[in-house]
Protein backbone atom coordinates (compact mmCIF):
# COMPACT_ATOMS: atom_id res chain seq x y z
CA UNK A 1 -52.80 -1.88 17.96
CA UNK A 2 -50.62 -2.14 21.05
CA UNK A 3 -47.10 -0.68 21.15
CA UNK A 4 -44.46 -3.04 19.71
CA UNK A 5 -43.41 -5.57 22.35
CA UNK A 6 -46.66 -5.56 24.32
CA UNK A 7 -48.84 -8.67 24.42
CA UNK A 8 -51.49 -7.15 22.12
CA UNK A 9 -49.00 -6.48 19.27
CA UNK A 10 -48.96 -10.12 18.20
CA UNK A 11 -50.87 -10.47 14.95
CA UNK A 12 -51.91 -14.07 13.99
CA UNK A 13 -53.10 -13.02 10.50
CA UNK A 14 -49.75 -11.28 9.91
CA UNK A 15 -47.87 -14.40 11.06
CA UNK A 16 -49.95 -16.64 8.77
CA UNK A 17 -49.09 -14.38 5.85
CA UNK A 18 -45.37 -13.95 6.44
CA UNK A 19 -44.16 -17.09 8.30
CA UNK A 20 -44.20 -19.41 5.24
CA UNK A 21 -41.88 -17.35 3.10
CA UNK A 22 -39.60 -16.55 6.00
CA UNK A 23 -39.40 -20.21 6.96
CA UNK A 24 -38.71 -21.25 3.38
CA UNK A 25 -35.95 -18.63 2.98
CA UNK A 26 -34.27 -19.63 6.18
CA UNK A 27 -34.57 -23.32 5.48
CA UNK A 28 -32.82 -22.93 2.12
CA UNK A 29 -30.09 -20.50 3.30
CA UNK A 30 -29.25 -22.43 6.48
CA UNK A 31 -30.24 -25.88 5.27
CA UNK A 32 -32.23 -25.97 8.49
CA UNK A 33 -33.54 -29.09 10.07
CA UNK A 34 -35.96 -29.27 13.00
CA UNK A 35 -36.40 -32.47 15.05
CA UNK A 36 -39.15 -33.29 17.56
CA UNK A 37 -41.55 -30.37 16.94
CA UNK A 38 -44.42 -32.68 15.97
CA UNK A 39 -44.29 -34.38 19.36
CA UNK A 40 -44.88 -31.18 21.32
CA UNK A 41 -48.45 -30.98 22.73
CA UNK A 42 -50.61 -28.12 21.55
CA UNK A 43 -50.80 -26.38 24.93
CA UNK A 44 -48.99 -23.49 26.67
CA UNK A 45 -45.37 -24.41 27.50
CA UNK A 46 -42.12 -22.57 28.25
CA UNK A 47 -39.59 -23.34 25.52
CA UNK A 48 -36.00 -22.74 26.79
CA UNK A 49 -33.16 -22.55 24.31
CA UNK A 50 -29.59 -21.63 23.70
CA UNK A 51 -29.01 -18.47 21.74
CA UNK A 52 -26.45 -17.79 19.05
CA UNK A 53 -25.34 -15.45 16.27
CA UNK A 54 -25.20 -12.08 18.03
CA UNK A 55 -27.54 -9.47 16.54
CA UNK A 56 -29.12 -11.70 13.88
CA UNK A 57 -29.97 -14.66 16.23
CA UNK A 58 -30.54 -16.95 13.26
CA UNK A 59 -31.39 -19.95 15.40
CA UNK A 60 -34.34 -17.99 16.92
CA UNK A 61 -35.57 -17.00 13.48
CA UNK A 62 -35.40 -20.64 12.25
CA UNK A 63 -37.27 -21.82 15.40
CA UNK A 64 -40.02 -19.18 15.10
CA UNK A 65 -40.49 -19.85 11.38
CA UNK A 66 -40.63 -23.56 11.85
CA UNK A 67 -43.09 -23.38 14.76
CA UNK A 68 -45.49 -21.03 12.98
CA UNK A 69 -45.57 -23.14 9.81
CA UNK A 70 -45.99 -26.53 11.55
CA UNK A 71 -49.74 -26.20 12.02
CA UNK A 72 -49.53 -25.60 15.80
CA UNK A 73 -52.77 -24.44 17.35
CA UNK A 74 -51.08 -22.82 20.29
CA UNK A 75 -49.71 -19.35 19.38
CA UNK A 76 -46.14 -18.76 20.41
CA UNK A 77 -44.44 -15.63 21.61
CA UNK A 78 -40.69 -15.00 22.20
CA UNK A 79 -39.24 -12.81 24.95
CA UNK A 80 -36.88 -10.26 23.54
CA UNK A 81 -34.40 -7.75 24.92
CA UNK A 82 -35.60 -4.11 25.22
CA UNK A 83 -33.03 -3.13 22.57
CA UNK A 84 -34.93 -4.95 19.88
CA UNK A 85 -37.78 -2.44 20.33
CA UNK A 86 -35.64 0.59 21.16
CA UNK A 87 -32.57 0.31 18.93
CA UNK A 88 -33.86 -1.48 15.84
CA UNK A 89 -35.52 0.63 13.12
CA UNK A 90 -39.21 1.13 13.89
CA UNK A 91 -40.39 -0.91 10.92
CA UNK A 92 -38.19 -3.86 11.92
CA UNK A 93 -39.31 -3.66 15.57
CA UNK A 94 -42.93 -3.55 14.52
CA UNK A 95 -42.46 -6.53 12.14
CA UNK A 96 -40.81 -8.62 14.84
CA UNK A 97 -43.45 -7.69 17.42
CA UNK A 98 -46.29 -8.67 15.11
CA UNK A 99 -44.48 -11.99 14.55
CA UNK A 100 -44.51 -12.61 18.31
CA UNK A 101 -41.61 -10.66 19.80
CA UNK A 102 -42.56 -9.76 23.39
CA UNK A 103 -40.61 -7.27 25.50
CA UNK A 104 -38.95 -9.20 28.32
CA UNK A 105 -40.59 -8.89 31.71
CA UNK A 106 -42.01 -11.28 34.25
CA UNK A 107 -45.53 -9.79 34.30
CA UNK A 108 -45.82 -9.92 30.48
CA UNK A 109 -44.48 -13.45 30.37
CA UNK A 110 -46.99 -14.69 33.00
CA UNK A 111 -49.82 -12.92 31.25
CA UNK A 112 -48.84 -14.51 27.94
CA UNK A 113 -48.78 -18.01 29.40
CA UNK A 114 -51.99 -17.52 31.34
CA UNK A 115 -53.77 -16.31 28.16
CA UNK A 116 -52.98 -19.61 26.33
CA UNK A 117 -49.75 -18.77 24.53
CA UNK A 118 -46.58 -20.87 24.42
CA UNK A 119 -43.49 -18.79 25.20
CA UNK A 120 -39.85 -19.13 24.15
CA UNK A 121 -37.16 -17.67 26.39
CA UNK A 122 -33.38 -17.49 26.12
CA UNK A 123 -32.03 -17.10 29.67
CA UNK A 124 -28.50 -16.53 28.49
CA UNK A 125 -29.50 -13.40 26.56
CA UNK A 126 -26.71 -11.49 24.83
CA UNK A 127 -24.17 -13.24 27.08
CA UNK A 128 -25.10 -16.46 25.34
CA UNK A 129 -25.66 -14.99 21.88
CA UNK A 130 -22.19 -13.35 21.89
CA UNK A 131 -20.05 -16.13 23.46
CA UNK A 132 -16.71 -16.59 21.74
CA UNK A 133 -16.54 -18.81 18.75
CA UNK A 134 -14.36 -21.34 20.67
CA UNK A 135 -17.37 -21.85 23.03
CA UNK A 136 -20.01 -22.14 20.34
CA UNK A 137 -20.86 -25.66 21.50
CA UNK A 138 -21.27 -24.70 25.10
CA UNK A 139 -24.61 -23.97 26.84
CA UNK A 140 -24.22 -20.68 28.76
CA UNK A 141 -27.37 -19.53 30.56
CA UNK A 142 -25.40 -16.97 32.62
CA UNK A 143 -26.56 -18.47 35.96
CA UNK A 144 -30.09 -17.22 35.35
CA UNK A 145 -32.81 -19.38 36.85
CA UNK A 146 -35.83 -17.08 36.79
CA UNK A 147 -37.27 -19.11 33.90
CA UNK A 148 -37.79 -22.08 36.27
CA UNK A 149 -39.78 -19.87 38.69
CA UNK A 150 -41.74 -18.49 35.71
CA UNK A 151 -42.76 -21.94 34.59
CA UNK A 152 -43.70 -22.93 38.16
CA UNK A 153 -45.89 -19.90 38.68
CA UNK A 154 -47.56 -20.34 35.32
CA UNK A 155 -48.10 -24.06 35.79
CA UNK A 156 -46.53 -25.05 32.45
CA UNK A 157 -43.78 -27.53 31.51
CA UNK A 158 -40.28 -26.50 30.52
CA UNK A 159 -39.45 -27.77 27.01
CA UNK A 160 -35.73 -27.43 26.14
CA UNK A 161 -34.95 -26.58 22.54
CA UNK A 162 -31.34 -26.91 21.54
CA UNK A 163 -29.64 -25.61 18.38
CA UNK A 164 -26.33 -26.03 16.71
CA UNK A 165 -24.68 -24.15 13.85
CA UNK A 166 -26.07 -20.64 14.28
CA UNK A 167 -22.92 -19.46 16.02
CA UNK A 168 -21.05 -20.03 12.83
CA UNK A 169 -23.06 -17.31 11.00
CA UNK A 170 -20.24 -14.98 12.11
CA UNK A 171 -17.11 -15.32 14.27
CA UNK A 172 -17.12 -13.81 17.78
CA UNK A 173 -13.52 -13.34 18.80
CA UNK A 174 -14.18 -11.84 22.22
CA UNK A 175 -17.35 -11.25 24.13
CA UNK A 176 -16.24 -7.99 25.75
CA UNK A 177 -17.92 -8.53 29.13
CA UNK A 178 -15.13 -6.62 30.83
CA UNK A 179 -15.63 -3.67 28.51
CA UNK A 180 -19.43 -3.70 28.80
CA UNK A 181 -19.18 -3.24 32.54
CA UNK A 182 -17.07 -0.12 32.06
CA UNK A 183 -18.84 1.66 29.17
CA UNK A 184 -21.71 4.01 30.17
CA UNK A 185 -23.22 3.39 26.69
CA UNK A 186 -23.39 -0.34 27.34
CA UNK A 187 -24.62 -0.03 30.93
CA UNK A 188 -27.40 2.39 29.89
CA UNK A 189 -28.67 -0.19 27.40
CA UNK A 190 -28.34 -3.10 29.76
CA UNK A 191 -25.77 -4.81 27.54
CA UNK A 192 -23.74 -7.51 29.30
CA UNK A 193 -21.28 -7.86 26.39
CA UNK A 194 -19.50 -5.64 23.89
CA UNK A 195 -18.18 -8.20 21.40
CA UNK A 196 -15.38 -8.13 18.88
CA UNK A 197 -16.57 -9.97 15.80
CA UNK A 198 -15.74 -10.90 12.23
CA UNK A 199 -18.70 -10.72 9.88
CA UNK A 200 -19.90 -9.84 6.41
CA UNK A 201 -19.82 -7.00 5.39
CA UNK A 202 -18.31 -5.28 8.44
CA UNK A 203 -15.09 -7.40 8.78
CA UNK A 204 -13.56 -6.70 12.20
CA UNK A 205 -16.14 -4.88 14.37
CA UNK A 206 -16.25 -3.87 18.04
CA UNK A 207 -19.61 -3.45 19.74
CA UNK A 208 -23.23 -4.39 18.98
CA UNK A 209 -23.48 -5.19 15.22
CA UNK A 210 -25.94 -3.21 13.11
CA UNK A 211 -27.02 -6.47 11.46
CA UNK A 212 -24.85 -8.49 9.15
CA UNK A 213 -25.08 -10.99 6.29
CA UNK A 214 -24.99 -14.44 7.99
CA UNK A 215 -22.70 -17.08 6.54
CA UNK A 216 -24.65 -20.06 5.16
CA UNK A 217 -23.98 -22.30 8.10
CA UNK A 218 -26.12 -25.38 8.51
CA UNK A 219 -28.54 -24.95 11.47
CA UNK A 220 -30.13 -27.86 13.30
CA UNK A 221 -32.64 -27.68 16.14
CA UNK A 222 -33.98 -30.42 18.37
CA UNK A 223 -36.96 -30.23 20.74
CA UNK A 224 -36.15 -32.28 23.86
CA UNK A 225 -38.30 -34.02 26.48
CA UNK A 226 -40.35 -31.77 28.71
CA UNK A 227 -39.17 -31.17 32.31
CA UNK A 228 -41.52 -30.58 35.26
CA UNK A 229 -40.47 -27.31 36.89
CA UNK A 230 -41.87 -28.37 40.25
CA UNK A 231 -39.79 -31.55 40.46
CA UNK A 232 -37.05 -30.33 42.89
CA UNK A 233 -35.53 -27.06 43.94
CA UNK A 234 -35.11 -24.30 41.40
CA UNK A 235 -31.39 -24.90 41.12
CA UNK A 236 -31.96 -28.64 40.59
CA UNK A 237 -34.44 -28.05 37.80
CA UNK A 238 -32.09 -25.60 36.22
CA UNK A 239 -29.25 -28.17 36.31
CA UNK A 240 -31.46 -30.67 34.57
CA UNK A 241 -32.40 -28.25 31.87
CA UNK A 242 -28.80 -27.22 31.24
CA UNK A 243 -27.65 -30.87 31.31
CA UNK A 244 -30.34 -31.83 28.78
CA UNK A 245 -29.38 -29.01 26.44
CA UNK A 246 -25.67 -29.68 26.73
CA UNK A 247 -25.96 -33.46 26.22
CA UNK A 248 -28.00 -32.91 23.07
CA UNK A 249 -25.68 -30.13 21.82
CA UNK A 250 -22.60 -32.32 22.31
CA UNK A 251 -24.16 -35.09 20.24
CA UNK A 252 -25.31 -32.73 17.49
CA UNK A 253 -21.94 -30.96 17.38
CA UNK A 254 -20.08 -34.29 17.22
CA UNK A 255 -21.95 -35.17 14.05
CA UNK A 256 -20.90 -31.94 12.28
CA UNK A 257 -17.96 -32.36 9.96
CA UNK A 258 -16.72 -28.76 9.82
CA UNK A 259 -18.01 -25.20 10.40
CA UNK A 260 -20.13 -23.96 7.44
CA UNK A 261 -20.44 -27.48 6.07
CA UNK A 262 -22.49 -29.17 8.81
């Protein structure tokens, strides 16, 4: 067995055993709805999404659970921050790695796509996941465009996957980017934010959360039309991806009546 986060740590039998109950639990708690997954071809692709909910990233969990229980033949991995494998308890890190968590890195990502896997990436990282509550309906990819070059080099389409609702699982009052740049602790762990949050059970909390109980917000995901990563300059493709995500997010957010009700 490979070390958690390496390509060989993905365990299809483990996924088949655990994905159904995880998906069922998340679907009930978050009243989750997934649109468009059935139309995605069973072939390697780069799924690019927005990222919410700070440490618990509930939209990612809903997406992974839905994909693995939808009868897809193409196995899917998800790029994850180093801290998932270094700061999380060993049992949790091992569980997530066996479910498809892959330590972020260009070489690993290319190898995953070349070996027949689909891959989910969140270019905005913790910057996106910890954006303030007032910007919960804003796509923030932090100016990162490496995912376009990754898709080009791998010869796979970019498939945007947008989510709404997960950033209501807690309330981020401040993202703490200014503080993260000045704290040796944050810099050593490659953290771009040091958020101030309100959550259950911690209440008011400054810094990376040690997990939390997510509020039962309604989460909705939509798989959008594929985008050819070779159709234009990198910045032009990136603009199209962000515009596609934002347009869909605006429409989905407009249909929500109130936070935590959906």
